[in-house]
Amino acid sequence: MPEILQVLRKHSDSFACMQRIDAAVVELAQQAQLQGELAPHLDVPTVVRTFHALAQAPHIAPLSISGTPNPATIAPTLANIFRSGVQS
């Protein structure tokens, strides 16, 4: 993964896009916490980094012995896992 970050940093447009996405996710997490949708005892940086890890997991672990996930259920499953762990 560090190699991917090095490549992205060399391409400023791609890196800027990733930063915009990250800023939006941070803002959503902060607002969710302020509105009581995100548990107040959770720190936003850890929530955001966990979200990014879950969002990238299907792309990073294609060689898992667990089998191939159903493309139709990946997004809802990840959303449910994440939501049930961070709900207030």
Protein backbone atom coordinates (compact mmCIF):
# COMPACT_ATOMS: atom_id res chain seq x y z
CA MET A 1 0.00 0.00 0.00
CA PRO A 2 2.81 2.53 0.62
CA GLU A 3 3.74 2.26 -3.06
CA ILE A 4 0.24 3.29 -4.09
CA LEU A 5 0.46 6.37 -1.88
CA GLN A 6 3.80 7.31 -3.43
CA VAL A 7 2.32 7.06 -6.92
CA LEU A 8 -0.73 9.10 -5.92
CA ARG A 9 1.42 11.82 -4.39
CA LYS A 10 3.33 12.10 -7.67
CA HIS A 11 0.04 12.75 -9.50
CA SER A 12 -1.27 15.85 -7.82
CA ASP A 13 -4.72 15.69 -9.45
CA SER A 14 -5.36 12.17 -8.11
CA PHE A 15 -4.03 13.08 -4.69
CA ALA A 16 -6.17 16.24 -4.59
CA CYS A 17 -9.23 14.15 -5.44
CA MET A 18 -8.46 11.76 -2.60
CA GLN A 19 -8.04 14.70 -0.23
CA ARG A 20 -11.45 16.09 -1.26
CA ILE A 21 -13.06 12.71 -0.61
CA ASP A 22 -11.33 12.46 2.75
CA ALA A 23 -12.43 15.97 3.71
CA ALA A 24 -16.03 15.06 2.87
CA VAL A 25 -15.86 11.87 4.97
CA VAL A 26 -14.33 13.81 7.89
CA GLU A 27 -17.07 16.44 7.65
CA LEU A 28 -19.78 13.75 7.58
CA ALA A 29 -18.32 12.04 10.65
CA GLN A 30 -18.01 15.33 12.55
CA GLN A 31 -21.57 16.32 11.70
CA ALA A 32 -22.87 12.85 12.59
CA GLN A 33 -21.22 13.14 15.99
CA LEU A 34 -22.61 16.63 16.57
CA GLN A 35 -26.11 15.43 15.65
CA GLY A 36 -25.91 12.34 17.87
CA GLU A 37 -25.75 9.80 15.05
CA LEU A 38 -22.16 8.84 15.84
CA ALA A 39 -21.35 7.68 19.35
CA PRO A 40 -19.78 10.58 21.26
CA HIS A 41 -17.03 8.46 22.82
CA LEU A 42 -15.55 7.60 19.41
CA ASP A 43 -12.77 9.76 18.04
CA VAL A 44 -13.42 10.99 14.51
CA PRO A 45 -9.92 10.23 13.11
CA THR A 46 -10.25 6.56 14.04
CA VAL A 47 -13.80 6.39 12.64
CA VAL A 48 -12.66 7.97 9.37
CA ARG A 49 -9.63 5.70 9.02
CA THR A 50 -11.77 2.66 9.78
CA PHE A 51 -14.29 3.76 7.17
CA HIS A 52 -11.52 4.10 4.57
CA ALA A 53 -10.14 0.67 5.50
CA LEU A 54 -13.57 -0.96 5.16
CA ALA A 55 -14.25 0.83 1.89
CA GLN A 56 -10.95 -0.39 0.41
CA ALA A 57 -11.08 -3.92 1.84
CA PRO A 58 -12.82 -5.50 -1.19
CA HIS A 59 -10.09 -4.14 -3.46
CA ILE A 60 -7.11 -5.02 -1.27
CA ALA A 61 -7.92 -8.59 -0.32
CA PRO A 62 -8.93 -10.36 -3.53
CA LEU A 63 -6.82 -13.40 -2.70
CA SER A 64 -8.57 -14.25 0.56
CA ILE A 65 -9.48 -17.90 1.02
CA SER A 66 -12.93 -16.76 2.17
CA GLY A 67 -14.17 -16.77 -1.41
CA THR A 68 -15.44 -14.09 -3.73
CA PRO A 69 -17.94 -11.66 -2.23
CA ASN A 70 -21.23 -11.06 -3.96
CA PRO A 71 -20.88 -7.66 -5.70
CA ALA A 72 -24.54 -6.92 -5.01
CA THR A 73 -24.09 -7.23 -1.25
CA ILE A 74 -20.64 -5.71 -0.65
CA ALA A 75 -21.77 -2.10 -0.15
CA PRO A 76 -24.78 -2.85 2.06
CA THR A 77 -22.83 -5.35 4.14
CA LEU A 78 -19.97 -2.91 4.75
CA ALA A 79 -22.46 -0.16 5.56
CA ASN A 80 -24.22 -2.39 8.09
CA ILE A 81 -20.96 -3.47 9.73
CA PHE A 82 -19.78 0.11 9.97
CA ARG A 83 -23.12 1.56 11.08
CA SER A 84 -23.70 -1.02 13.81
CA GLY A 85 -20.26 -0.33 15.22
CA VAL A 86 -20.48 3.46 15.36
CA GLN A 87 -24.12 4.22 16.08
CA SER A 88 -24.82 6.32 19.10
